[in-house]
Amino acid sequence: MTLEITDANFEELVLKTDKPVLLDFWAEWCGPCRIVGPFVEEIAKEFEGKAVVGKVDVDNNPDVASKFGIRNIPTILFFKDGEVVDKQIGVAQKAALIKKLEAFL
């Protein structure tokens, strides 16, 4: 299950974890986000216990989105040790996202 990442819990769930993080920046009204969303849910199940997989609703959490300069959605950021180590802007295949995440395990 993906975690709902908010302005309030971002530091605790993303920056302070010792696991790699896949973070999907999305919005309800975003068509391409609806394509990527199911992939992110599946990846969350497959990597449970090995990685943190979360979603940030950019409309409800503008602080996190602006902190990382999110201007296009969907954008997926990959974190390791509290730092952004990779990103994917726009729609990507599930296999491509898994390959990026596996690089940080």
N, C-alpha and C. Protein backbone atom coordinates (compact mmCIF):
# COMPACT_ATOMS: atom_id res chain seq x y z
N MET A 1 0.84 -1.19 0.00
CA MET A 1 0.00 0.00 0.00
C MET A 1 0.88 1.25 0.00
N THR A 2 0.51 2.21 -0.81
CA THR A 2 1.29 3.44 -0.83
C THR A 2 0.94 4.27 0.39
N LEU A 3 1.92 5.03 0.83
CA LEU A 3 1.72 5.94 1.95
C LEU A 3 1.26 7.28 1.41
N GLU A 4 0.37 7.94 2.13
CA GLU A 4 -0.01 9.30 1.78
C GLU A 4 0.99 10.23 2.44
N ILE A 5 1.81 10.85 1.62
CA ILE A 5 2.83 11.77 2.13
C ILE A 5 2.27 13.19 2.08
N THR A 6 2.40 13.88 3.19
CA THR A 6 1.85 15.24 3.32
C THR A 6 2.96 16.20 3.72
N ASP A 7 2.62 17.49 3.70
CA ASP A 7 3.57 18.49 4.18
C ASP A 7 3.97 18.17 5.62
N ALA A 8 3.02 17.66 6.41
CA ALA A 8 3.26 17.41 7.83
C ALA A 8 4.12 16.18 8.10
N ASN A 9 3.98 15.11 7.31
CA ASN A 9 4.72 13.88 7.62
C ASN A 9 5.90 13.61 6.69
N PHE A 10 6.15 14.51 5.74
CA PHE A 10 7.20 14.30 4.74
C PHE A 10 8.57 14.02 5.37
N GLU A 11 8.98 14.86 6.30
CA GLU A 11 10.31 14.71 6.88
C GLU A 11 10.46 13.35 7.56
N GLU A 12 9.46 12.98 8.35
CA GLU A 12 9.53 11.72 9.09
C GLU A 12 9.52 10.50 8.16
N LEU A 13 8.61 10.47 7.17
CA LEU A 13 8.43 9.28 6.34
C LEU A 13 9.40 9.18 5.17
N VAL A 14 9.92 10.32 4.70
CA VAL A 14 10.78 10.30 3.52
C VAL A 14 12.24 10.58 3.87
N LEU A 15 12.49 11.63 4.61
CA LEU A 15 13.87 12.03 4.87
C LEU A 15 14.56 11.22 5.96
N LYS A 16 13.78 10.69 6.91
CA LYS A 16 14.38 10.00 8.04
C LYS A 16 14.40 8.47 7.92
N THR A 17 13.92 7.94 6.82
CA THR A 17 13.92 6.48 6.65
C THR A 17 15.28 6.00 6.15
N ASP A 18 15.61 4.76 6.49
CA ASP A 18 16.86 4.17 5.99
C ASP A 18 16.64 3.37 4.72
N LYS A 19 15.40 3.37 4.23
CA LYS A 19 15.07 2.65 3.00
C LYS A 19 15.01 3.62 1.82
N PRO A 20 15.21 3.13 0.60
CA PRO A 20 15.00 4.00 -0.56
C PRO A 20 13.51 4.36 -0.66
N VAL A 21 13.25 5.51 -1.27
CA VAL A 21 11.88 6.02 -1.36
C VAL A 21 11.53 6.33 -2.81
N LEU A 22 10.34 5.89 -3.23
CA LEU A 22 9.76 6.28 -4.50
C LEU A 22 8.58 7.17 -4.14
N LEU A 23 8.59 8.41 -4.61
CA LEU A 23 7.55 9.37 -4.25
C LEU A 23 6.88 9.92 -5.51
N ASP A 24 5.59 9.63 -5.64
CA ASP A 24 4.79 10.02 -6.80
C ASP A 24 4.06 11.32 -6.50
N PHE A 25 4.40 12.39 -7.23
CA PHE A 25 3.69 13.66 -7.12
C PHE A 25 2.58 13.65 -8.16
N TRP A 26 1.35 13.85 -7.72
CA TRP A 26 0.18 13.68 -8.58
C TRP A 26 -0.94 14.64 -8.16
N ALA A 27 -2.02 14.63 -8.93
CA ALA A 27 -3.24 15.38 -8.58
C ALA A 27 -4.44 14.62 -9.14
N GLU A 28 -5.55 14.77 -8.48
CA GLU A 28 -6.78 14.08 -8.86
C GLU A 28 -7.20 14.37 -10.30
N TRP A 29 -7.02 15.61 -10.75
CA TRP A 29 -7.48 16.05 -12.07
C TRP A 29 -6.51 15.69 -13.20
N CYS A 30 -5.38 15.08 -12.88
CA CYS A 30 -4.31 14.82 -13.85
C CYS A 30 -4.52 13.47 -14.55
N GLY A 31 -4.82 13.50 -15.83
CA GLY A 31 -5.04 12.28 -16.60
C GLY A 31 -3.84 11.34 -16.61
N PRO A 32 -2.64 11.84 -16.97
CA PRO A 32 -1.47 10.96 -16.97
C PRO A 32 -1.17 10.37 -15.58
N CYS A 33 -1.54 11.09 -14.53
CA CYS A 33 -1.33 10.57 -13.17
C CYS A 33 -2.16 9.31 -12.94
N ARG A 34 -3.32 9.23 -13.59
CA ARG A 34 -4.18 8.05 -13.45
C ARG A 34 -3.59 6.84 -14.17
N ILE A 35 -2.70 7.09 -15.11
CA ILE A 35 -2.00 5.98 -15.78
C ILE A 35 -0.90 5.44 -14.87
N VAL A 36 -0.14 6.33 -14.25
CA VAL A 36 1.00 5.96 -13.41
C VAL A 36 0.54 5.42 -12.06
N GLY A 37 -0.56 5.92 -11.53
CA GLY A 37 -1.03 5.56 -10.20
C GLY A 37 -1.09 4.06 -9.92
N PRO A 38 -1.73 3.28 -10.79
CA PRO A 38 -1.79 1.83 -10.56
C PRO A 38 -0.41 1.16 -10.53
N PHE A 39 0.53 1.66 -11.35
CA PHE A 39 1.89 1.12 -11.32
C PHE A 39 2.52 1.34 -9.95
N VAL A 40 2.32 2.55 -9.43
CA VAL A 40 2.90 2.91 -8.13
C VAL A 40 2.30 2.02 -7.03
N GLU A 41 0.99 1.78 -7.11
CA GLU A 41 0.34 0.89 -6.13
C GLU A 41 0.93 -0.52 -6.18
N GLU A 42 1.13 -1.04 -7.39
CA GLU A 42 1.69 -2.39 -7.56
C GLU A 42 3.12 -2.44 -7.03
N ILE A 43 3.91 -1.41 -7.31
CA ILE A 43 5.29 -1.36 -6.84
C ILE A 43 5.31 -1.32 -5.31
N ALA A 44 4.37 -0.60 -4.71
CA ALA A 44 4.30 -0.53 -3.24
C ALA A 44 4.12 -1.93 -2.65
N LYS A 45 3.27 -2.74 -3.27
CA LYS A 45 3.04 -4.10 -2.78
C LYS A 45 4.28 -4.96 -2.98
N GLU A 46 4.91 -4.85 -4.14
CA GLU A 46 6.05 -5.68 -4.48
C GLU A 46 7.29 -5.36 -3.63
N PHE A 47 7.41 -4.10 -3.20
CA PHE A 47 8.60 -3.68 -2.46
C PHE A 47 8.31 -3.44 -0.97
N GLU A 48 7.18 -3.94 -0.50
CA GLU A 48 6.82 -3.77 0.90
C GLU A 48 7.93 -4.31 1.80
N GLY A 49 8.37 -3.49 2.75
CA GLY A 49 9.44 -3.88 3.65
C GLY A 49 10.84 -3.58 3.12
N LYS A 50 10.95 -3.34 1.80
CA LYS A 50 12.26 -3.07 1.20
C LYS A 50 12.43 -1.60 0.83
N ALA A 51 11.31 -0.92 0.54
CA ALA A 51 11.35 0.48 0.12
C ALA A 51 10.08 1.17 0.61
N VAL A 52 10.15 2.49 0.70
CA VAL A 52 8.99 3.30 1.02
C VAL A 52 8.41 3.81 -0.30
N VAL A 53 7.13 3.58 -0.51
CA VAL A 53 6.47 4.06 -1.73
C VAL A 53 5.31 4.94 -1.30
N GLY A 54 5.34 6.19 -1.74
CA GLY A 54 4.32 7.14 -1.31
C GLY A 54 3.84 8.02 -2.44
N LYS A 55 2.74 8.72 -2.15
CA LYS A 55 2.13 9.63 -3.10
C LYS A 55 1.92 10.98 -2.42
N VAL A 56 2.20 12.05 -3.16
CA VAL A 56 1.98 13.41 -2.68
C VAL A 56 0.97 14.08 -3.59
N ASP A 57 -0.19 14.42 -3.03
CA ASP A 57 -1.19 15.19 -3.77
C ASP A 57 -0.72 16.64 -3.78
N VAL A 58 -0.30 17.12 -4.96
CA VAL A 58 0.31 18.45 -5.04
C VAL A 58 -0.67 19.57 -4.70
N ASP A 59 -1.96 19.35 -4.90
CA ASP A 59 -2.95 20.37 -4.57
C ASP A 59 -3.09 20.54 -3.06
N ASN A 60 -2.97 19.46 -2.32
CA ASN A 60 -3.16 19.51 -0.87
C ASN A 60 -1.85 19.67 -0.10
N ASN A 61 -0.73 19.54 -0.77
CA ASN A 61 0.58 19.60 -0.11
C ASN A 61 1.56 20.47 -0.91
N PRO A 62 1.26 21.76 -1.02
CA PRO A 62 2.08 22.63 -1.86
C PRO A 62 3.50 22.85 -1.34
N ASP A 63 3.73 22.70 -0.04
CA ASP A 63 5.07 22.94 0.50
C ASP A 63 6.07 21.93 -0.02
N VAL A 64 5.71 20.65 0.04
CA VAL A 64 6.61 19.60 -0.45
C VAL A 64 6.83 19.76 -1.95
N ALA A 65 5.75 19.99 -2.69
CA ALA A 65 5.86 20.13 -4.15
C ALA A 65 6.76 21.31 -4.52
N SER A 66 6.61 22.43 -3.85
CA SER A 66 7.44 23.59 -4.20
C SER A 66 8.88 23.41 -3.74
N LYS A 67 9.09 22.71 -2.64
CA LYS A 67 10.45 22.46 -2.15
C LYS A 67 11.30 21.76 -3.20
N PHE A 68 10.67 20.88 -3.99
CA PHE A 68 11.40 20.12 -5.00
C PHE A 68 11.14 20.63 -6.42
N GLY A 69 10.52 21.80 -6.53
CA GLY A 69 10.33 22.42 -7.84
C GLY A 69 9.46 21.62 -8.78
N ILE A 70 8.44 20.96 -8.23
CA ILE A 70 7.55 20.14 -9.06
C ILE A 70 6.66 21.07 -9.88
N ARG A 71 6.86 21.05 -11.20
CA ARG A 71 6.07 21.90 -12.09
C ARG A 71 5.22 21.08 -13.05
N ASN A 72 5.62 19.83 -13.26
CA ASN A 72 4.87 18.94 -14.14
C ASN A 72 4.52 17.68 -13.36
N ILE A 73 3.31 17.19 -13.58
CA ILE A 73 2.94 15.93 -12.94
C ILE A 73 2.40 14.99 -14.01
N PRO A 74 2.54 13.71 -13.83
CA PRO A 74 3.20 13.08 -12.70
C PRO A 74 4.72 13.27 -12.73
N THR A 75 5.29 13.46 -11.55
CA THR A 75 6.73 13.43 -11.36
C THR A 75 7.00 12.45 -10.25
N ILE A 76 7.97 11.58 -10.47
CA ILE A 76 8.36 10.62 -9.43
C ILE A 76 9.80 10.91 -9.04
N LEU A 77 9.99 11.14 -7.75
CA LEU A 77 11.33 11.36 -7.21
C LEU A 77 11.76 10.12 -6.45
N PHE A 78 13.03 9.79 -6.56
CA PHE A 78 13.63 8.68 -5.84
C PHE A 78 14.60 9.25 -4.83
N PHE A 79 14.44 8.85 -3.57
CA PHE A 79 15.29 9.33 -2.48
C PHE A 79 16.12 8.19 -1.92
N LYS A 80 17.33 8.52 -1.51
CA LYS A 80 18.19 7.59 -0.78
C LYS A 80 18.91 8.43 0.27
N ASP A 81 18.82 8.00 1.53
CA ASP A 81 19.45 8.73 2.64
C ASP A 81 19.02 10.20 2.68
N GLY A 82 17.74 10.45 2.40
CA GLY A 82 17.19 11.80 2.49
C GLY A 82 17.51 12.72 1.33
N GLU A 83 18.17 12.21 0.30
CA GLU A 83 18.54 13.02 -0.86
C GLU A 83 17.86 12.50 -2.12
N VAL A 84 17.49 13.43 -3.02
CA VAL A 84 16.94 13.01 -4.32
C VAL A 84 18.09 12.45 -5.14
N VAL A 85 17.92 11.20 -5.60
CA VAL A 85 18.98 10.54 -6.37
C VAL A 85 18.58 10.26 -7.81
N ASP A 86 17.29 10.40 -8.12
CA ASP A 86 16.83 10.19 -9.49
C ASP A 86 15.42 10.74 -9.60
N LYS A 87 14.95 10.93 -10.84
CA LYS A 87 13.57 11.36 -11.03
C LYS A 87 13.05 10.92 -12.38
N GLN A 88 11.74 10.85 -12.46
CA GLN A 88 11.04 10.51 -13.70
C GLN A 88 9.91 11.52 -13.85
N ILE A 89 9.93 12.27 -14.94
CA ILE A 89 8.86 13.24 -15.20
C ILE A 89 7.99 12.69 -16.32
N GLY A 90 6.68 12.69 -16.09
CA GLY A 90 5.75 12.17 -17.08
C GLY A 90 5.50 10.68 -16.89
N VAL A 91 4.71 10.14 -17.79
CA VAL A 91 4.32 8.73 -17.71
C VAL A 91 5.52 7.84 -18.02
N ALA A 92 5.67 6.79 -17.22
CA ALA A 92 6.73 5.80 -17.45
C ALA A 92 6.15 4.42 -17.24
N GLN A 93 6.75 3.45 -17.87
CA GLN A 93 6.33 2.07 -17.70
C GLN A 93 6.72 1.58 -16.30
N LYS A 94 5.95 0.66 -15.78
CA LYS A 94 6.21 0.10 -14.46
C LYS A 94 7.63 -0.48 -14.39
N ALA A 95 8.05 -1.20 -15.42
CA ALA A 95 9.38 -1.83 -15.42
C ALA A 95 10.49 -0.78 -15.28
N ALA A 96 10.31 0.37 -15.91
CA ALA A 96 11.32 1.43 -15.83
C ALA A 96 11.41 1.98 -14.40
N LEU A 97 10.27 2.12 -13.75
CA LEU A 97 10.25 2.62 -12.37
C LEU A 97 10.90 1.60 -11.42
N ILE A 98 10.59 0.33 -11.63
CA ILE A 98 11.18 -0.72 -10.80
C ILE A 98 12.70 -0.74 -10.97
N LYS A 99 13.17 -0.62 -12.20
CA LYS A 99 14.61 -0.63 -12.46
C LYS A 99 15.31 0.50 -11.71
N LYS A 100 14.70 1.69 -11.74
CA LYS A 100 15.29 2.83 -11.02
C LYS A 100 15.30 2.58 -9.52
N LEU A 101 14.19 2.07 -8.98
CA LEU A 101 14.11 1.84 -7.55
C LEU A 101 15.09 0.75 -7.11
N GLU A 102 15.20 -0.32 -7.88
CA GLU A 102 16.10 -1.42 -7.54
C GLU A 102 17.56 -0.96 -7.47
N ALA A 103 17.91 0.07 -8.22
CA ALA A 103 19.28 0.57 -8.21
C ALA A 103 19.69 1.11 -6.84
N PHE A 104 18.70 1.45 -6.01
CA PHE A 104 19.00 2.06 -4.72
C PHE A 104 18.77 1.12 -3.53
N LEU A 105 18.44 -0.14 -3.81
CA LEU A 105 18.23 -1.10 -2.73
C LEU A 105 19.56 -1.56 -2.14
